[in-house]
């Protein structure tokens, strides 16, 4: 799991392998399990994973965070699955499945 001072999203040109843009978000020091669906990038981030995780929905074109969903105590929510406008993830620690409706 990568760690830094910020939640960091670099954009890489596949042909040149050069970074073409990068977005940083203060307050999150870990980010992992990204998935792209439709027009959004979904990625987990947290200042302290023991306090719960936040799912960030980010516009990859400009880096704007469209919305976030905070969990309390989620230990390992897994990679989100996007299906018919729902963002679905399972949490091993809480032993539950959550489905969010994307707007």
C-alpha atoms as a PDB file:
ATOM      1  CA  UNK A   1       0.000   0.000   0.000  1.00  0.00           C
ATOM      2  CA  UNK A   2       1.665   3.281  -1.083  1.00  0.00           C
ATOM      3  CA  UNK A   3       2.030   5.955   1.567  1.00  0.00           C
ATOM      4  CA  UNK A   4       2.765   9.668   1.352  1.00  0.00           C
ATOM      5  CA  UNK A   5       1.663  12.955   2.933  1.00  0.00           C
ATOM      6  CA  UNK A   6      -1.148  13.230   0.406  1.00  0.00           C
ATOM      7  CA  UNK A   7      -3.607  11.082  -1.476  1.00  0.00           C
ATOM      8  CA  UNK A   8      -1.802  11.161  -4.809  1.00  0.00           C
ATOM      9  CA  UNK A   9      -3.122  10.452  -8.326  1.00  0.00           C
ATOM     10  CA  UNK A  10      -0.550  10.674 -11.130  1.00  0.00           C
ATOM     11  CA  UNK A  11      -1.632  10.490 -14.772  1.00  0.00           C
ATOM     12  CA  UNK A  12       0.865   8.658 -16.998  1.00  0.00           C
ATOM     13  CA  UNK A  13       1.092   8.804 -20.793  1.00  0.00           C
ATOM     14  CA  UNK A  14       1.141   5.144 -21.867  1.00  0.00           C
ATOM     15  CA  UNK A  15       3.322   5.709 -24.936  1.00  0.00           C
ATOM     16  CA  UNK A  16       6.035   7.870 -23.393  1.00  0.00           C
ATOM     17  CA  UNK A  17       5.666   6.475 -19.835  1.00  0.00           C
ATOM     18  CA  UNK A  18       5.996  10.082 -18.616  1.00  0.00           C
ATOM     19  CA  UNK A  19       3.844  11.641 -15.940  1.00  0.00           C
ATOM     20  CA  UNK A  20       1.572  14.208 -17.596  1.00  0.00           C
ATOM     21  CA  UNK A  21      -0.367  15.421 -14.567  1.00  0.00           C
ATOM     22  CA  UNK A  22      -0.673  14.756 -10.855  1.00  0.00           C
ATOM     23  CA  UNK A  23      -3.305  15.570  -8.250  1.00  0.00           C
ATOM     24  CA  UNK A  24      -2.592  15.621  -4.511  1.00  0.00           C
ATOM     25  CA  UNK A  25      -5.168  15.691  -1.728  1.00  0.00           C
ATOM     26  CA  UNK A  26      -4.160  16.723   1.791  1.00  0.00           C
ATOM     27  CA  UNK A  27      -5.356  14.684   4.707  1.00  0.00           C
ATOM     28  CA  UNK A  28      -4.952  11.188   3.314  1.00  0.00           C
ATOM     29  CA  UNK A  29      -1.694   9.320   3.631  1.00  0.00           C
ATOM     30  CA  UNK A  30      -2.621   5.976   2.131  1.00  0.00           C
ATOM     31  CA  UNK A  31      -4.347   5.125  -1.130  1.00  0.00           C
ATOM     32  CA  UNK A  32      -5.025   1.769  -2.694  1.00  0.00           C
ATOM     33  CA  UNK A  33      -7.350  -0.478  -4.711  1.00  0.00           C
ATOM     34  CA  UNK A  34      -8.208   1.946  -7.538  1.00  0.00           C
ATOM     35  CA  UNK A  35     -10.832   1.104 -10.134  1.00  0.00           C
ATOM     36  CA  UNK A  36     -12.135   3.148 -13.068  1.00  0.00           C
ATOM     37  CA  UNK A  37     -15.773   2.904 -14.113  1.00  0.00           C
ATOM     38  CA  UNK A  38     -17.624   5.272 -16.390  1.00  0.00           C
ATOM     39  CA  UNK A  39     -16.159   8.742 -15.949  1.00  0.00           C
ATOM     40  CA  UNK A  40     -14.793   8.267 -12.425  1.00  0.00           C
ATOM     41  CA  UNK A  41     -11.817   6.788 -10.609  1.00  0.00           C
ATOM     42  CA  UNK A  42     -12.717   5.152  -7.285  1.00  0.00           C
ATOM     43  CA  UNK A  43      -9.930   4.743  -4.720  1.00  0.00           C
ATOM     44  CA  UNK A  44      -9.699   4.056  -0.980  1.00  0.00           C
ATOM     45  CA  UNK A  45      -7.742   6.498   1.169  1.00  0.00           C
ATOM     46  CA  UNK A  46      -7.218   7.251   4.830  1.00  0.00           C
ATOM     47  CA  UNK A  47      -5.111   9.223   7.266  1.00  0.00           C
ATOM     48  CA  UNK A  48      -5.210   6.264   9.626  1.00  0.00           C
ATOM     49  CA  UNK A  49      -6.708   2.981   8.345  1.00  0.00           C
ATOM     50  CA  UNK A  50      -7.516   1.875  11.927  1.00  0.00           C
ATOM     51  CA  UNK A  51     -10.018   4.750  12.127  1.00  0.00           C
ATOM     52  CA  UNK A  52     -11.842   3.694   8.970  1.00  0.00           C
ATOM     53  CA  UNK A  53     -11.402   4.319   5.285  1.00  0.00           C
ATOM     54  CA  UNK A  54     -12.820   6.806   2.803  1.00  0.00           C
ATOM     55  CA  UNK A  55     -13.879   5.899  -0.720  1.00  0.00           C
ATOM     56  CA  UNK A  56     -13.012   8.791  -3.068  1.00  0.00           C
ATOM     57  CA  UNK A  57     -14.784   9.242  -6.417  1.00  0.00           C
ATOM     58  CA  UNK A  58     -12.410  11.338  -8.538  1.00  0.00           C
ATOM     59  CA  UNK A  59     -12.789  12.826 -12.011  1.00  0.00           C
ATOM     60  CA  UNK A  60      -9.578  11.630 -13.711  1.00  0.00           C
ATOM     61  CA  UNK A  61      -9.722  14.475 -16.250  1.00  0.00           C
ATOM     62  CA  UNK A  62      -9.213  17.272 -13.732  1.00  0.00           C
ATOM     63  CA  UNK A  63      -8.606  15.551 -10.385  1.00  0.00           C
ATOM     64  CA  UNK A  64     -11.742  16.966  -8.756  1.00  0.00           C
ATOM     65  CA  UNK A  65     -13.146  14.809  -5.971  1.00  0.00           C
ATOM     66  CA  UNK A  66     -16.802  14.351  -6.928  1.00  0.00           C
ATOM     67  CA  UNK A  67     -17.787  12.728  -3.626  1.00  0.00           C
ATOM     68  CA  UNK A  68     -16.458  10.689  -0.720  1.00  0.00           C
ATOM     69  CA  UNK A  69     -17.928   7.969   1.484  1.00  0.00           C
ATOM     70  CA  UNK A  70     -16.498   7.514   4.973  1.00  0.00           C
ATOM     71  CA  UNK A  71     -16.536   4.180   6.751  1.00  0.00           C
ATOM     72  CA  UNK A  72     -16.075   3.747  10.456  1.00  0.00           C
ATOM     73  CA  UNK A  73     -13.913   0.809  11.343  1.00  0.00           C
ATOM     74  CA  UNK A  74     -13.737  -0.805   7.913  1.00  0.00           C
ATOM     75  CA  UNK A  75     -10.586  -2.902   7.913  1.00  0.00           C
ATOM     76  CA  UNK A  76     -10.267  -4.169   4.366  1.00  0.00           C
ATOM     77  CA  UNK A  77     -13.120  -3.146   2.074  1.00  0.00           C
ATOM     78  CA  UNK A  78     -11.664  -4.741  -1.043  1.00  0.00           C
ATOM     79  CA  UNK A  79     -11.754  -3.405  -4.574  1.00  0.00           C
ATOM     80  CA  UNK A  80     -15.100  -1.747  -5.354  1.00  0.00           C
ATOM     81  CA  UNK A  81     -17.236  -3.419  -8.013  1.00  0.00           C
ATOM     82  CA  UNK A  82     -19.298  -1.077 -10.180  1.00  0.00           C
ATOM     83  CA  UNK A  83     -22.510  -2.540 -11.595  1.00  0.00           C
ATOM     84  CA  UNK A  84     -25.623  -0.767 -12.906  1.00  0.00           C
ATOM     85  CA  UNK A  85     -24.795   2.494 -11.117  1.00  0.00           C
ATOM     86  CA  UNK A  86     -24.020   0.779  -7.792  1.00  0.00           C
ATOM     87  CA  UNK A  87     -20.633   0.821  -6.084  1.00  0.00           C
ATOM     88  CA  UNK A  88     -20.399  -2.457  -4.165  1.00  0.00           C
ATOM     89  CA  UNK A  89     -17.713  -3.497  -1.703  1.00  0.00           C
ATOM     90  CA  UNK A  90     -17.309  -6.099   1.017  1.00  0.00           C
ATOM     91  CA  UNK A  91     -15.563  -5.431   4.306  1.00  0.00           C
ATOM     92  CA  UNK A  92     -13.775  -8.353   5.923  1.00  0.00           C
ATOM     93  CA  UNK A  93     -13.552  -6.664   9.311  1.00  0.00           C
ATOM     94  CA  UNK A  94     -17.213  -5.662   9.521  1.00  0.00           C
ATOM     95  CA  UNK A  95     -18.426  -8.849   7.770  1.00  0.00           C
ATOM     96  CA  UNK A  96     -20.833  -6.902   5.579  1.00  0.00           C
ATOM     97  CA  UNK A  97     -21.452  -5.876   1.986  1.00  0.00           C
ATOM     98  CA  UNK A  98     -22.227  -2.240   1.177  1.00  0.00           C
ATOM     99  CA  UNK A  99     -23.829  -0.910  -2.010  1.00  0.00           C
ATOM    100  CA  UNK A 100     -23.778   2.819  -2.793  1.00  0.00           C
ATOM    101  CA  UNK A 101     -25.815   4.435  -5.568  1.00  0.00           C
ATOM    102  CA  UNK A 102     -23.680   6.716  -7.745  1.00  0.00           C
ATOM    103  CA  UNK A 103     -25.496   9.826  -8.911  1.00  0.00           C
END
